[in-house]
Amino acid sequence: MTIAGWLIMILSVGTVSALLLWCVYKIVVTPDETERIHGFEQKPPDV
């Protein structure tokens, strides 16, 4: 592989790894995140 190929591969793997680490950091550090999760209520139809 050429030097340009190595640089592109390192840049892409580094970018994806940095994004993964940032997402994990935000999940771990943000307090009371479960209170702000929005979604549909999962209730049975007979209730």
C-alpha atoms as a PDB file:
ATOM      1  CA  MET A   1       0.000   0.000   0.000  1.00  0.00           C
ATOM      2  CA  THR A   2       1.225   3.494  -0.726  1.00  0.00           C
ATOM      3  CA  ILE A   3       1.823   6.237   1.816  1.00  0.00           C
ATOM      4  CA  ALA A   4      -1.378   7.985   0.700  1.00  0.00           C
ATOM      5  CA  GLY A   5      -3.335   4.771   1.272  1.00  0.00           C
ATOM      6  CA  TRP A   6      -1.940   4.417   4.770  1.00  0.00           C
ATOM      7  CA  LEU A   7      -2.743   8.037   5.601  1.00  0.00           C
ATOM      8  CA  ILE A   8      -6.327   7.725   4.359  1.00  0.00           C
ATOM      9  CA  MET A   9      -6.804   4.456   6.264  1.00  0.00           C
ATOM     10  CA  ILE A  10      -5.370   5.897   9.487  1.00  0.00           C
ATOM     11  CA  LEU A  11      -7.486   9.045   9.128  1.00  0.00           C
ATOM     12  CA  SER A  12     -10.699   7.094   8.536  1.00  0.00           C
ATOM     13  CA  VAL A  13     -10.129   4.571  11.318  1.00  0.00           C
ATOM     14  CA  GLY A  14      -9.093   7.371  13.670  1.00  0.00           C
ATOM     15  CA  THR A  15     -12.184   9.428  12.844  1.00  0.00           C
ATOM     16  CA  VAL A  16     -14.576   6.522  13.426  1.00  0.00           C
ATOM     17  CA  SER A  17     -12.774   5.575  16.640  1.00  0.00           C
ATOM     18  CA  ALA A  18     -12.923   9.167  17.902  1.00  0.00           C
ATOM     19  CA  LEU A  19     -16.647   9.343  17.124  1.00  0.00           C
ATOM     20  CA  LEU A  20     -17.252   6.074  18.987  1.00  0.00           C
ATOM     21  CA  LEU A  21     -15.307   7.281  22.024  1.00  0.00           C
ATOM     22  CA  TRP A  22     -17.161  10.618  22.019  1.00  0.00           C
ATOM     23  CA  CYS A  23     -20.541   8.852  21.902  1.00  0.00           C
ATOM     24  CA  VAL A  24     -19.590   6.501  24.740  1.00  0.00           C
ATOM     25  CA  TYR A  25     -18.292   9.468  26.761  1.00  0.00           C
ATOM     26  CA  LYS A  26     -21.547  11.394  26.262  1.00  0.00           C
ATOM     27  CA  ILE A  27     -23.598   8.367  27.361  1.00  0.00           C
ATOM     28  CA  VAL A  28     -21.513   7.805  30.488  1.00  0.00           C
ATOM     29  CA  VAL A  29     -21.150  11.434  31.578  1.00  0.00           C
ATOM     30  CA  THR A  30     -24.628  12.867  30.920  1.00  0.00           C
ATOM     31  CA  PRO A  31     -26.601  12.707  34.193  1.00  0.00           C
ATOM     32  CA  ASP A  32     -30.253  11.599  34.316  1.00  0.00           C
ATOM     33  CA  GLU A  33     -30.327  10.742  30.625  1.00  0.00           C
ATOM     34  CA  THR A  34     -33.137   8.221  31.115  1.00  0.00           C
ATOM     35  CA  GLU A  35     -35.501  11.025  32.139  1.00  0.00           C
ATOM     36  CA  ARG A  36     -35.017  12.747  28.791  1.00  0.00           C
ATOM     37  CA  ILE A  37     -35.515   9.747  26.540  1.00  0.00           C
ATOM     38  CA  HIS A  38     -38.588  10.228  24.371  1.00  0.00           C
ATOM     39  CA  GLY A  39     -40.454   7.419  22.735  1.00  0.00           C
ATOM     40  CA  PHE A  40     -43.668   5.529  22.585  1.00  0.00           C
ATOM     41  CA  GLU A  41     -45.245   4.078  25.676  1.00  0.00           C
ATOM     42  CA  GLN A  42     -45.250   0.302  25.585  1.00  0.00           C
ATOM     43  CA  LYS A  43     -48.591  -0.468  27.238  1.00  0.00           C
ATOM     44  CA  PRO A  44     -50.687  -3.527  26.497  1.00  0.00           C
ATOM     45  CA  PRO A  45     -53.988  -2.739  24.735  1.00  0.00           C
ATOM     46  CA  ASP A  46     -56.157  -4.101  27.556  1.00  0.00           C
ATOM     47  CA  VAL A  47     -54.917  -1.616  30.175  1.00  0.00           C
END
